[in-house]
Amino acid sequence: MSEIARPERVSLAPGLDISRIVTGLWQVADLERAGPLDPDKAAGALADYAEAGFDSFDMADHYGSAEMIAGRFLAGVASGGFPLPQGARPVALTKWCPEPGAMTVDVVRAAVERSRHRLGVETIDLLQLHWWQFHHPGYLDAMTGLNALWREGLIAHLGVTNFDTDHLRVLVKQGFAVVSNQVSFSLLDRRAAGAMTDLCLEHGVGLLAYGTLGGGFLAERWLGAPPPEEIGDWSRQKYRRFIDAIGGWDVLQTLLAALAEIAKKHRVSIANVATRWVLEQPAVRAVIVGARLGEREHRADNLRLFSFALDADDHARIERALADARPIPGDCGDEYRRPPFLTASGDLSHHLAGFAKVWPSTPVAGRPNRLRVDSGSRWEALAGYSRAVRIGSRILVSGTTATHGEGEVVCPGDAHGQAVYVLDKIAAGIEALGGTLADVVRTRVYVRDLAQWQAVAAVHGRRFGAIRPANTLVGAGLIGDYEVEIEAEAVLAE
């Protein structure tokens, strides 16, 4: 094994070069459960990482004091208090994770200014948006606001985190210059290896992979060991749920045994092999490895990632070891939006239920058993109709197009992206009247170009595959830039 002095680097976007091992600071919040960290000591720990070439740091607005610690470190670099190798420039990647709601210009600017202030920078290197509920269309307004601040120079690059394939597609087809999507990606969770990878390669979006070691479970210490009776830190709590989802502790042990054989062959660690597998995925630009500042670090071991490559026999051995593993259901980020909630908090139903509905419902004058919903489209007032109407236990949703706000057309020319947005809008209308997509019993789909029927049908299938309402799809002469229109009917349980 040849000695590697520093980790490899990659261009995530023009002018944004990062280490292929990004140091994640999410565990700052976990560490601070016992009390605040000393900001100077924590900043010094970041300096140690940067000096070794691990100079790209990922954080978020809710990772405890992570942004402020990073700001203290960046100030030390600027003042010469933390000397780094000549030409080195640390990179700070942060995230904004707002609750769904009105994403006004002022709301977006306030969030960005807060992070800029904490980091002490004129321009944020990469600002990544997380969005909780896609049936709330505010993520488009948030991205529009962030895009304006990007043009203003307050943000160098825009990214997202935990976006699924369909909604990442909406953003790129809408013209947003998204350079990255940060997602869970590991040998335990291979959701990003399919359609997500294809979309990213097509549009030049890089994947930043976290969870590559499954919270530390993909390591020698767990080979042949019994499952832990108690788990103290949030990260391991989360990834133990992933292990249960793919089939349990026996499946993990089979995988670890195979990784151990590969590690022995290359004279590296099990963690190296697990992370190298992710690094070799075609859309992955970098992996994010968490750091517990002031407690332990694995920089020397992580450098071994660049001393070897997995060959065809290694990949075949891994595939055989995973033959009995169940795939994590759904798409990237689904663990934050629908069961199974594979998060450190477990079931997020209470959290999601606490968000305000997208639109209010309004009683219909003179009709005591009737409620209606307006989405704000100018067409509703012009033509005299409601987005959705509830009569008793029955909810009827009007023919719905990809109209955002008063009249903006989402994803013009792209039937796939429009179908995604339309079904989100239908979900919001039904929710406003007390139901969910699970209550839908009938849908009708109208497509301008019947050559696009399969892409539209596939979007419908991803939303309704377990619900299976009655459905009709026909070609239709739709107006304007609309490629697809969908109507729905739901019946609430007694």
Protein backbone atom coordinates (compact mmCIF):
# COMPACT_ATOMS: atom_id res chain seq x y z
CA MET A 1 0.00 0.00 0.00
CA SER A 2 1.47 3.33 -1.03
CA GLU A 3 1.45 6.18 1.45
CA ILE A 4 -0.99 8.98 0.63
CA ALA A 5 -0.18 12.32 2.23
CA ARG A 6 -3.47 14.11 1.63
CA PRO A 7 -7.01 13.19 0.53
CA GLU A 8 -8.06 13.51 -3.09
CA ARG A 9 -9.93 16.61 -4.21
CA VAL A 10 -12.73 17.07 -6.70
CA SER A 11 -14.42 19.98 -8.45
CA LEU A 12 -18.02 20.02 -7.25
CA ALA A 13 -18.69 23.05 -9.44
CA PRO A 14 -16.57 25.69 -11.17
CA GLY A 15 -14.64 27.47 -8.43
CA LEU A 16 -15.72 24.98 -5.75
CA ASP A 17 -13.01 22.39 -5.12
CA ILE A 18 -13.58 20.18 -2.11
CA SER A 19 -11.95 17.25 -0.40
CA ARG A 20 -13.46 13.92 -1.43
CA ILE A 21 -13.82 13.32 2.30
CA VAL A 22 -15.92 16.12 3.73
CA THR A 23 -15.90 16.48 7.51
CA GLY A 24 -19.47 16.47 8.82
CA LEU A 25 -20.35 18.48 11.91
CA TRP A 26 -23.83 17.08 12.67
CA GLN A 27 -22.55 15.47 15.85
CA VAL A 28 -21.88 18.90 17.36
CA ALA A 29 -25.56 18.96 18.36
CA ASP A 30 -25.22 15.51 19.91
CA LEU A 31 -22.08 16.49 21.83
CA GLU A 32 -23.77 19.65 23.11
CA ARG A 33 -26.49 17.68 24.83
CA ALA A 34 -23.97 17.48 27.68
CA GLY A 35 -23.27 21.22 27.53
CA PRO A 36 -21.80 23.77 25.12
CA LEU A 37 -18.47 23.05 23.45
CA ASP A 38 -15.52 25.33 24.01
CA PRO A 39 -15.58 27.27 20.70
CA ASP A 40 -11.80 27.85 20.64
CA LYS A 41 -10.95 24.21 21.26
CA ALA A 42 -13.56 23.08 18.73
CA ALA A 43 -12.20 25.54 16.14
CA GLY A 44 -8.74 24.19 16.85
CA ALA A 45 -9.99 20.69 16.11
CA LEU A 46 -11.23 21.91 12.71
CA ALA A 47 -7.78 23.40 12.11
CA ASP A 48 -6.22 19.98 12.75
CA TYR A 49 -8.53 18.46 10.12
CA ALA A 50 -7.77 21.22 7.62
CA GLU A 51 -4.03 20.95 8.15
CA ALA A 52 -4.25 17.25 7.20
CA GLY A 53 -6.14 18.13 3.99
CA PHE A 54 -9.65 17.50 5.34
CA ASP A 55 -10.51 21.15 4.81
CA SER A 56 -14.12 20.88 3.61
CA PHE A 57 -16.72 21.08 6.38
CA ASP A 58 -20.46 20.36 6.21
CA MET A 59 -22.89 21.81 8.72
CA ALA A 60 -26.44 23.18 9.04
CA ASP A 61 -28.39 25.92 10.76
CA HIS A 62 -29.63 23.41 13.36
CA TYR A 63 -26.39 21.49 14.13
CA GLY A 64 -26.00 23.18 17.49
CA SER A 65 -23.20 25.76 17.34
CA ALA A 66 -21.53 24.17 14.28
CA GLU A 67 -21.77 27.30 12.11
CA MET A 68 -20.34 29.46 14.89
CA ILE A 69 -17.46 27.03 15.51
CA ALA A 70 -16.72 27.02 11.79
CA GLY A 71 -16.85 30.81 11.82
CA ARG A 72 -14.32 30.91 14.65
CA PHE A 73 -12.06 28.58 12.65
CA LEU A 74 -12.38 30.61 9.43
CA ALA A 75 -11.56 33.80 11.33
CA GLY A 76 -8.47 32.09 12.74
CA VAL A 77 -7.36 31.09 9.26
CA ALA A 78 -7.85 34.64 7.98
CA SER A 79 -5.85 36.13 10.88
CA GLY A 80 -3.03 33.61 10.61
CA GLY A 81 -3.86 32.01 13.94
CA PHE A 82 -4.48 28.68 12.20
CA PRO A 83 -1.72 28.39 9.59
CA LEU A 84 -2.59 26.02 6.76
CA PRO A 85 -0.50 24.70 3.85
CA GLN A 86 0.17 27.31 1.17
CA GLY A 87 -2.75 27.67 -1.25
CA ALA A 88 -5.20 25.84 1.01
CA ARG A 89 -8.63 27.42 1.40
CA PRO A 90 -11.17 25.84 3.73
CA VAL A 91 -14.67 25.30 2.31
CA ALA A 92 -17.82 25.71 4.42
CA LEU A 93 -20.94 23.91 3.22
CA THR A 94 -24.09 24.66 5.19
CA LYS A 95 -27.80 23.91 5.03
CA TRP A 96 -31.04 25.73 5.57
CA CYS A 97 -33.86 23.55 6.95
CA PRO A 98 -36.96 25.76 7.31
CA GLU A 99 -40.42 24.63 8.27
CA PRO A 100 -42.76 24.67 5.27
CA GLY A 101 -44.45 28.04 5.00
CA ALA A 102 -44.49 31.28 3.06
CA MET A 103 -41.00 31.70 1.61
CA THR A 104 -40.97 35.45 1.12
CA VAL A 105 -37.92 37.41 0.03
CA ASP A 106 -37.45 38.59 3.62
CA VAL A 107 -37.67 35.08 5.08
CA VAL A 108 -35.06 33.72 2.67
CA ARG A 109 -32.70 36.66 3.11
CA ALA A 110 -32.92 36.47 6.92
CA ALA A 111 -31.92 32.79 6.86
CA VAL A 112 -28.94 33.41 4.59
CA GLU A 113 -27.82 36.44 6.58
CA ARG A 114 -27.97 34.42 9.80
CA SER A 115 -25.63 31.79 8.36
CA ARG A 116 -23.33 34.42 6.86
CA HIS A 117 -23.11 36.13 10.24
CA ARG A 118 -22.36 32.91 12.10
CA LEU A 119 -19.73 31.89 9.56
CA GLY A 120 -18.30 35.39 9.31
CA VAL A 121 -18.13 35.29 5.51
CA GLU A 122 -19.17 37.58 2.67
CA THR A 123 -20.18 34.65 0.48
CA ILE A 124 -21.38 31.19 1.56
CA ASP A 125 -19.53 28.54 -0.46
CA LEU A 126 -22.52 26.20 -0.78
CA LEU A 127 -26.02 26.71 0.62
CA GLN A 128 -28.11 23.52 0.61
CA LEU A 129 -31.90 23.56 1.02
CA HIS A 130 -33.76 20.84 2.91
CA TRP A 131 -37.55 20.73 2.48
CA TRP A 132 -39.86 18.72 4.69
CA GLN A 133 -43.06 18.31 2.66
CA PHE A 134 -43.10 18.52 -1.11
CA HIS A 135 -46.85 18.97 -1.30
CA HIS A 136 -46.09 22.41 0.11
CA PRO A 137 -44.80 24.26 -2.99
CA GLY A 138 -42.83 26.81 -0.96
CA TYR A 139 -39.59 25.05 -1.87
CA LEU A 140 -39.84 26.68 -5.30
CA ASP A 141 -40.19 30.11 -3.70
CA ALA A 142 -37.28 29.31 -1.37
CA MET A 143 -35.10 28.35 -4.31
CA THR A 144 -36.18 31.46 -6.21
CA GLY A 145 -35.12 33.58 -3.23
CA LEU A 146 -31.83 31.72 -2.85
CA ASN A 147 -31.21 32.08 -6.57
CA ALA A 148 -31.61 35.86 -6.26
CA LEU A 149 -29.07 35.92 -3.41
CA TRP A 150 -26.75 33.76 -5.53
CA ARG A 151 -26.93 36.38 -8.27
CA GLU A 152 -26.29 39.03 -5.63
CA GLY A 153 -23.10 37.24 -4.60
CA LEU A 154 -24.11 36.22 -1.09
CA ILE A 155 -24.06 32.53 -2.08
CA ALA A 156 -21.46 31.01 -4.40
CA HIS A 157 -23.34 27.81 -5.22
CA LEU A 158 -26.76 26.25 -4.56
CA GLY A 159 -27.42 22.69 -3.51
CA VAL A 160 -30.13 20.63 -1.86
CA THR A 161 -30.21 17.91 0.73
CA ASN A 162 -32.46 14.85 0.94
CA PHE A 163 -34.38 15.71 -2.23
CA ASP A 164 -35.88 12.70 -3.97
CA THR A 165 -35.37 12.11 -7.69
CA ASP A 166 -38.70 13.53 -8.84
CA HIS A 167 -38.32 16.82 -6.98
CA LEU A 168 -34.67 17.27 -7.88
CA ARG A 169 -35.87 16.89 -11.47
CA VAL A 170 -38.45 19.63 -10.91
CA LEU A 171 -35.71 22.00 -9.75
CA VAL A 172 -33.32 21.36 -12.63
CA LYS A 173 -36.12 21.49 -15.21
CA GLN A 174 -37.24 24.74 -13.63
CA GLY A 175 -33.81 26.14 -14.42
CA PHE A 176 -32.20 26.29 -10.98
CA ALA A 177 -28.42 25.78 -11.04
CA VAL A 178 -28.30 23.00 -8.43
CA VAL A 179 -24.77 21.62 -8.13
CA SER A 180 -25.30 18.98 -5.45
CA ASN A 181 -27.75 16.81 -3.57
CA GLN A 182 -26.71 15.50 -0.16
CA VAL A 183 -28.26 12.09 0.51
CA SER A 184 -27.88 8.95 2.56
CA PHE A 185 -25.83 6.46 0.52
CA SER A 186 -24.17 3.33 1.84
CA LEU A 187 -24.08 -0.43 1.54
CA LEU A 188 -27.05 -0.39 3.92
CA ASP A 189 -28.93 2.20 1.86
CA ARG A 190 -28.50 2.00 -1.92
CA ARG A 191 -31.52 4.06 -2.97
CA ALA A 192 -29.31 6.67 -4.66
CA ALA A 193 -27.72 4.10 -6.98
CA GLY A 194 -30.63 3.98 -9.44
CA ALA A 195 -32.77 6.76 -10.88
CA MET A 196 -31.10 9.39 -8.69
CA THR A 197 -27.68 8.60 -10.14
CA ASP A 198 -29.06 8.65 -13.69
CA LEU A 199 -30.64 12.08 -13.18
CA CYS A 200 -27.51 13.52 -11.56
CA LEU A 201 -25.26 12.29 -14.35
CA GLU A 202 -27.64 13.71 -16.96
CA HIS A 203 -27.72 17.17 -15.38
CA GLY A 204 -24.27 17.46 -13.80
CA VAL A 205 -25.45 17.32 -10.20
CA GLY A 206 -22.97 15.81 -7.75
CA LEU A 207 -24.01 13.57 -4.89
CA LEU A 208 -22.60 14.26 -1.44
CA ALA A 209 -23.05 10.98 0.41
CA TYR A 210 -23.54 10.76 4.15
CA GLY A 211 -24.11 7.74 6.35
CA THR A 212 -21.48 5.76 4.43
CA LEU A 213 -20.43 3.89 7.58
CA GLY A 214 -23.97 3.39 8.84
CA GLY A 215 -23.34 5.29 12.05
CA GLY A 216 -20.17 3.26 12.67
CA PHE A 217 -21.82 -0.16 12.32
CA LEU A 218 -19.80 -0.89 9.17
CA ALA A 219 -16.59 -1.45 11.13
CA GLU A 220 -14.50 -4.24 12.66
CA ARG A 221 -15.83 -3.75 16.19
CA TRP A 222 -19.26 -5.08 15.14
CA LEU A 223 -18.04 -8.13 13.19
CA GLY A 224 -19.18 -11.17 15.17
CA ALA A 225 -20.50 -8.95 17.96
CA PRO A 226 -24.05 -9.11 19.37
CA PRO A 227 -26.38 -6.20 18.70
CA PRO A 228 -26.03 -3.35 21.20
CA GLU A 229 -28.56 -3.36 24.01
CA GLU A 230 -28.50 0.42 24.40
CA ILE A 231 -27.41 3.11 21.96
CA GLY A 232 -26.44 6.48 23.36
CA ASP A 233 -25.73 8.67 20.35
CA TRP A 234 -28.29 9.81 17.78
CA SER A 235 -26.32 8.67 14.75
CA ARG A 236 -26.19 5.02 15.78
CA GLN A 237 -29.85 5.10 16.82
CA LYS A 238 -30.72 6.14 13.28
CA TYR A 239 -28.62 3.55 11.47
CA ARG A 240 -29.72 0.71 13.71
CA ARG A 241 -33.15 1.37 12.19
CA PHE A 242 -31.62 1.05 8.73
CA ILE A 243 -30.13 -2.32 9.71
CA ASP A 244 -33.53 -3.55 10.92
CA ALA A 245 -35.13 -2.30 7.68
CA ILE A 246 -32.78 -4.31 5.43
CA GLY A 247 -33.31 -7.54 7.36
CA GLY A 248 -31.67 -7.30 10.77
CA TRP A 249 -28.43 -8.10 12.55
CA ASP A 250 -27.77 -11.36 10.66
CA VAL A 251 -27.81 -9.50 7.33
CA LEU A 252 -25.32 -7.00 8.75
CA GLN A 253 -23.03 -9.82 9.93
CA THR A 254 -23.04 -11.42 6.47
CA LEU A 255 -22.10 -8.10 4.93
CA LEU A 256 -19.38 -7.40 7.51
CA ALA A 257 -17.83 -10.84 6.92
CA ALA A 258 -17.57 -10.12 3.19
CA LEU A 259 -16.14 -6.66 3.80
CA ALA A 260 -13.58 -8.15 6.18
CA GLU A 261 -12.30 -10.51 3.46
CA ILE A 262 -12.00 -7.61 1.00
CA ALA A 263 -10.30 -5.45 3.62
CA LYS A 264 -7.75 -8.21 4.34
CA LYS A 265 -7.00 -8.51 0.63
CA HIS A 266 -6.26 -4.80 0.28
CA ARG A 267 -4.71 -4.42 3.78
CA VAL A 268 -7.23 -1.75 4.79
CA SER A 269 -10.16 -1.55 7.23
CA ILE A 270 -13.78 -2.60 6.84
CA ALA A 271 -14.71 1.09 7.08
CA ASN A 272 -12.34 1.81 4.18
CA VAL A 273 -14.00 -0.79 1.98
CA ALA A 274 -17.53 0.38 2.83
CA THR A 275 -16.66 4.01 2.11
CA ARG A 276 -14.63 3.19 -1.01
CA TRP A 277 -17.71 1.43 -2.46
CA VAL A 278 -19.66 4.69 -2.13
CA LEU A 279 -16.82 6.83 -3.51
CA GLU A 280 -16.73 4.67 -6.64
CA GLN A 281 -20.41 5.25 -7.44
CA PRO A 282 -20.53 7.31 -10.65
CA ALA A 283 -22.47 10.36 -9.40
CA VAL A 284 -20.76 10.62 -6.00
CA ARG A 285 -18.37 13.56 -5.72
CA ALA A 286 -17.54 13.18 -2.05
CA VAL A 287 -18.47 11.32 1.11
CA ILE A 288 -19.23 13.06 4.40
CA VAL A 289 -17.64 11.49 7.46
CA GLY A 290 -18.84 12.76 10.82
CA ALA A 291 -16.44 14.13 13.41
CA ARG A 292 -16.87 14.10 17.17
CA LEU A 293 -14.72 17.14 17.89
CA GLY A 294 -12.36 16.69 20.81
CA GLU A 295 -13.23 13.01 21.27
CA ARG A 296 -11.80 10.88 18.46
CA GLU A 297 -10.71 11.16 14.86
CA HIS A 298 -9.94 8.70 12.07
CA ARG A 299 -8.01 10.86 9.62
CA ALA A 300 -5.11 8.45 9.17
CA ASP A 301 -7.47 5.54 8.49
CA ASN A 302 -9.57 7.64 6.09
CA LEU A 303 -6.48 8.47 4.03
CA ARG A 304 -6.25 4.78 3.15
CA LEU A 305 -9.35 5.24 0.99
CA PHE A 306 -7.12 6.59 -1.76
CA SER A 307 -4.60 3.75 -1.65
CA PHE A 308 -6.76 1.09 -3.33
CA ALA A 309 -9.74 0.46 -5.61
CA LEU A 310 -12.35 -2.26 -5.56
CA ASP A 311 -12.10 -4.75 -8.41
CA ALA A 312 -14.79 -6.84 -10.09
CA ASP A 313 -14.32 -9.72 -7.64
CA ASP A 314 -14.78 -7.34 -4.71
CA HIS A 315 -18.02 -5.98 -6.12
CA ALA A 316 -19.29 -9.50 -6.83
CA ARG A 317 -18.53 -10.55 -3.25
CA ILE A 318 -20.44 -7.55 -1.91
CA GLU A 319 -23.45 -8.29 -4.13
CA ARG A 320 -23.54 -11.89 -2.91
CA ALA A 321 -23.39 -10.71 0.70
CA LEU A 322 -26.37 -8.43 0.08
CA ALA A 323 -28.46 -11.03 -1.74
CA ASP A 324 -30.78 -11.50 1.24
CA ALA A 325 -30.90 -7.83 2.20
CA ARG A 326 -34.15 -5.99 1.63
CA PRO A 327 -33.82 -2.65 -0.15
CA ILE A 328 -34.67 0.46 1.85
CA PRO A 329 -38.12 1.40 0.49
CA GLY A 330 -38.80 4.53 -1.53
CA ASP A 331 -36.44 7.21 -2.74
CA CYS A 332 -33.74 9.37 -1.19
CA GLY A 333 -34.97 11.44 1.74
CA ASP A 334 -38.23 9.53 2.16
CA GLU A 335 -37.17 8.62 5.71
CA TYR A 336 -37.91 12.25 6.66
CA ARG A 337 -41.34 12.34 5.01
CA ARG A 338 -43.09 8.98 5.29
CA PRO A 339 -42.87 5.64 7.09
CA PRO A 340 -40.58 3.95 7.82
CA PHE A 341 -39.10 7.03 9.50
CA LEU A 342 -35.45 5.93 9.62
CA THR A 343 -34.23 8.91 11.59
CA ALA A 344 -32.58 9.47 14.94
CA SER A 345 -35.97 10.60 16.25
CA GLY A 346 -37.80 7.55 14.98
CA ASP A 347 -41.41 8.24 14.02
CA LEU A 348 -41.75 11.80 12.67
CA SER A 349 -45.56 11.70 12.25
CA HIS A 350 -46.07 14.14 15.11
CA HIS A 351 -43.50 16.53 13.66
CA LEU A 352 -44.98 16.51 10.15
CA ALA A 353 -48.53 16.82 11.48
CA GLY A 354 -47.52 20.00 13.28
CA PHE A 355 -46.86 21.90 10.04
CA ALA A 356 -49.54 24.30 8.83
CA LYS A 357 -51.64 23.22 5.87
CA VAL A 358 -50.74 24.76 2.54
CA TRP A 359 -54.18 26.34 2.02
CA PRO A 360 -57.13 26.96 4.34
CA SER A 361 -60.56 25.49 3.72
CA THR A 362 -63.58 27.77 3.54
CA PRO A 363 -67.27 26.99 4.20
CA VAL A 364 -69.53 27.46 1.19
CA ALA A 365 -72.24 30.00 1.97
CA GLY A 366 -75.66 28.41 2.30
CA ARG A 367 -74.22 24.89 2.08
CA PRO A 368 -73.61 23.67 5.64
CA ASN A 369 -72.18 20.32 4.50
CA ARG A 370 -69.71 21.78 2.01
CA LEU A 371 -66.13 23.12 2.23
CA ARG A 372 -63.89 24.39 -0.54
CA VAL A 373 -60.22 25.24 -1.12
CA ASP A 374 -58.60 27.85 -3.36
CA SER A 375 -54.91 27.61 -4.30
CA GLY A 376 -54.53 31.22 -5.40
CA SER A 377 -54.40 30.55 -9.13
CA ARG A 378 -55.86 33.42 -11.14
CA TRP A 379 -57.77 30.86 -13.19
CA GLU A 380 -59.92 29.84 -10.21
CA ALA A 381 -61.46 33.29 -9.77
CA LEU A 382 -61.68 33.86 -13.53
CA ALA A 383 -63.53 30.64 -14.29
CA GLY A 384 -65.44 30.45 -11.00
CA TYR A 385 -64.27 27.11 -9.59
CA SER A 386 -62.51 25.75 -6.52
CA ARG A 387 -59.30 23.77 -6.37
CA ALA A 388 -61.11 21.16 -4.30
CA VAL A 389 -64.53 20.72 -2.69
CA ARG A 390 -65.60 18.49 0.19
CA ILE A 391 -69.19 17.27 0.45
CA GLY A 392 -69.63 15.10 3.51
CA SER A 393 -66.95 12.41 3.29
CA ARG A 394 -66.33 13.00 -0.41
CA ILE A 395 -63.53 15.24 -1.76
CA LEU A 396 -63.48 16.28 -5.42
CA VAL A 397 -60.34 17.88 -6.86
CA SER A 398 -60.62 19.94 -10.03
CA GLY A 399 -58.45 19.31 -13.06
CA THR A 400 -55.08 20.45 -11.76
CA THR A 401 -52.17 21.80 -13.78
CA ALA A 402 -48.63 22.77 -12.85
CA THR A 403 -49.57 26.34 -11.97
CA HIS A 404 -47.48 27.82 -9.18
CA GLY A 405 -48.91 30.81 -7.35
CA GLU A 406 -51.09 33.04 -9.48
CA GLY A 407 -49.96 31.79 -12.85
CA GLU A 408 -46.35 30.59 -13.14
CA VAL A 409 -46.05 27.37 -15.16
CA VAL A 410 -43.71 24.84 -13.54
CA CYS A 411 -41.41 22.79 -15.77
CA PRO A 412 -42.73 24.05 -19.12
CA GLY A 413 -42.37 21.37 -21.78
CA ASP A 414 -41.66 18.58 -19.27
CA ALA A 415 -44.63 16.29 -18.66
CA HIS A 416 -42.74 14.25 -16.05
CA GLY A 417 -41.90 17.26 -13.88
CA GLN A 418 -45.38 18.74 -14.28
CA ALA A 419 -46.99 15.47 -13.17
CA VAL A 420 -44.86 15.55 -10.00
CA TYR A 421 -45.92 19.10 -9.18
CA VAL A 422 -49.59 18.42 -10.02
CA LEU A 423 -49.85 15.43 -7.69
CA ASP A 424 -48.21 17.47 -4.91
CA LYS A 425 -50.84 20.16 -5.48
CA ILE A 426 -53.63 17.60 -5.40
CA ALA A 427 -52.24 16.21 -2.12
CA ALA A 428 -52.25 19.71 -0.61
CA GLY A 429 -55.86 20.30 -1.65
CA ILE A 430 -57.03 17.00 -0.18
CA GLU A 431 -55.07 17.61 3.02
CA ALA A 432 -56.72 21.01 3.45
CA LEU A 433 -60.07 19.21 3.52
CA GLY A 434 -59.04 16.55 6.02
CA GLY A 435 -57.79 13.74 3.79
CA THR A 436 -54.62 12.30 2.29
CA LEU A 437 -53.65 10.69 -1.01
CA ALA A 438 -54.44 7.35 0.65
CA ASP A 439 -58.13 8.35 0.51
CA VAL A 440 -58.11 8.77 -3.29
CA VAL A 441 -60.41 6.37 -5.12
CA ARG A 442 -60.39 7.87 -8.63
CA THR A 443 -57.95 9.81 -10.85
CA ARG A 444 -58.19 11.05 -14.42
CA VAL A 445 -55.03 12.03 -16.27
CA TYR A 446 -54.96 14.18 -19.41
CA VAL A 447 -51.71 14.32 -21.41
CA ARG A 448 -50.97 16.66 -24.31
CA ASP A 449 -48.40 14.35 -25.96
CA LEU A 450 -49.36 10.71 -25.68
CA ALA A 451 -45.73 9.79 -26.34
CA GLN A 452 -45.15 10.98 -22.74
CA TRP A 453 -47.84 8.80 -21.21
CA GLN A 454 -45.41 6.29 -19.68
CA ALA A 455 -43.36 8.91 -17.81
CA VAL A 456 -46.56 10.45 -16.44
CA ALA A 457 -47.97 7.03 -15.54
CA ALA A 458 -44.75 6.18 -13.68
CA VAL A 459 -45.08 9.32 -11.54
CA HIS A 460 -48.70 8.33 -10.82
CA GLY A 461 -47.50 4.84 -9.92
CA ARG A 462 -44.94 6.11 -7.43
CA ARG A 463 -47.66 8.02 -5.57
CA PHE A 464 -50.49 5.51 -5.84
CA GLY A 465 -48.77 2.13 -6.19
CA ALA A 466 -49.98 1.02 -2.75
CA ILE A 467 -53.35 2.79 -3.03
CA ARG A 468 -54.45 1.69 -6.50
CA PRO A 469 -57.37 4.05 -7.24
CA ALA A 470 -59.44 3.69 -10.39
CA ASN A 471 -57.65 5.59 -13.16
CA THR A 472 -58.08 6.84 -16.70
CA LEU A 473 -55.36 8.36 -18.91
CA VAL A 474 -56.21 10.04 -22.21
CA GLY A 475 -54.66 12.41 -24.72
CA ALA A 476 -56.09 15.94 -24.65
CA GLY A 477 -55.61 19.34 -26.26
CA LEU A 478 -54.39 21.23 -23.20
CA ILE A 479 -54.05 25.01 -23.22
CA GLY A 480 -50.88 27.09 -22.93
CA ASP A 481 -47.67 25.42 -21.74
CA TYR A 482 -49.40 22.66 -19.81
CA GLU A 483 -48.33 19.12 -20.65
CA VAL A 484 -50.50 17.27 -18.15
CA GLU A 485 -53.69 17.83 -16.14
CA ILE A 486 -55.01 15.53 -13.41
CA GLU A 487 -58.23 15.42 -11.41
CA ALA A 488 -58.94 13.25 -8.40
CA GLU A 489 -61.70 12.07 -6.09
CA ALA A 490 -61.23 10.91 -2.51
CA VAL A 491 -63.58 9.34 0.02
CA LEU A 492 -62.74 9.68 3.69
CA ALA A 493 -63.08 6.76 6.05
CA GLU A 494 -66.24 6.64 8.14
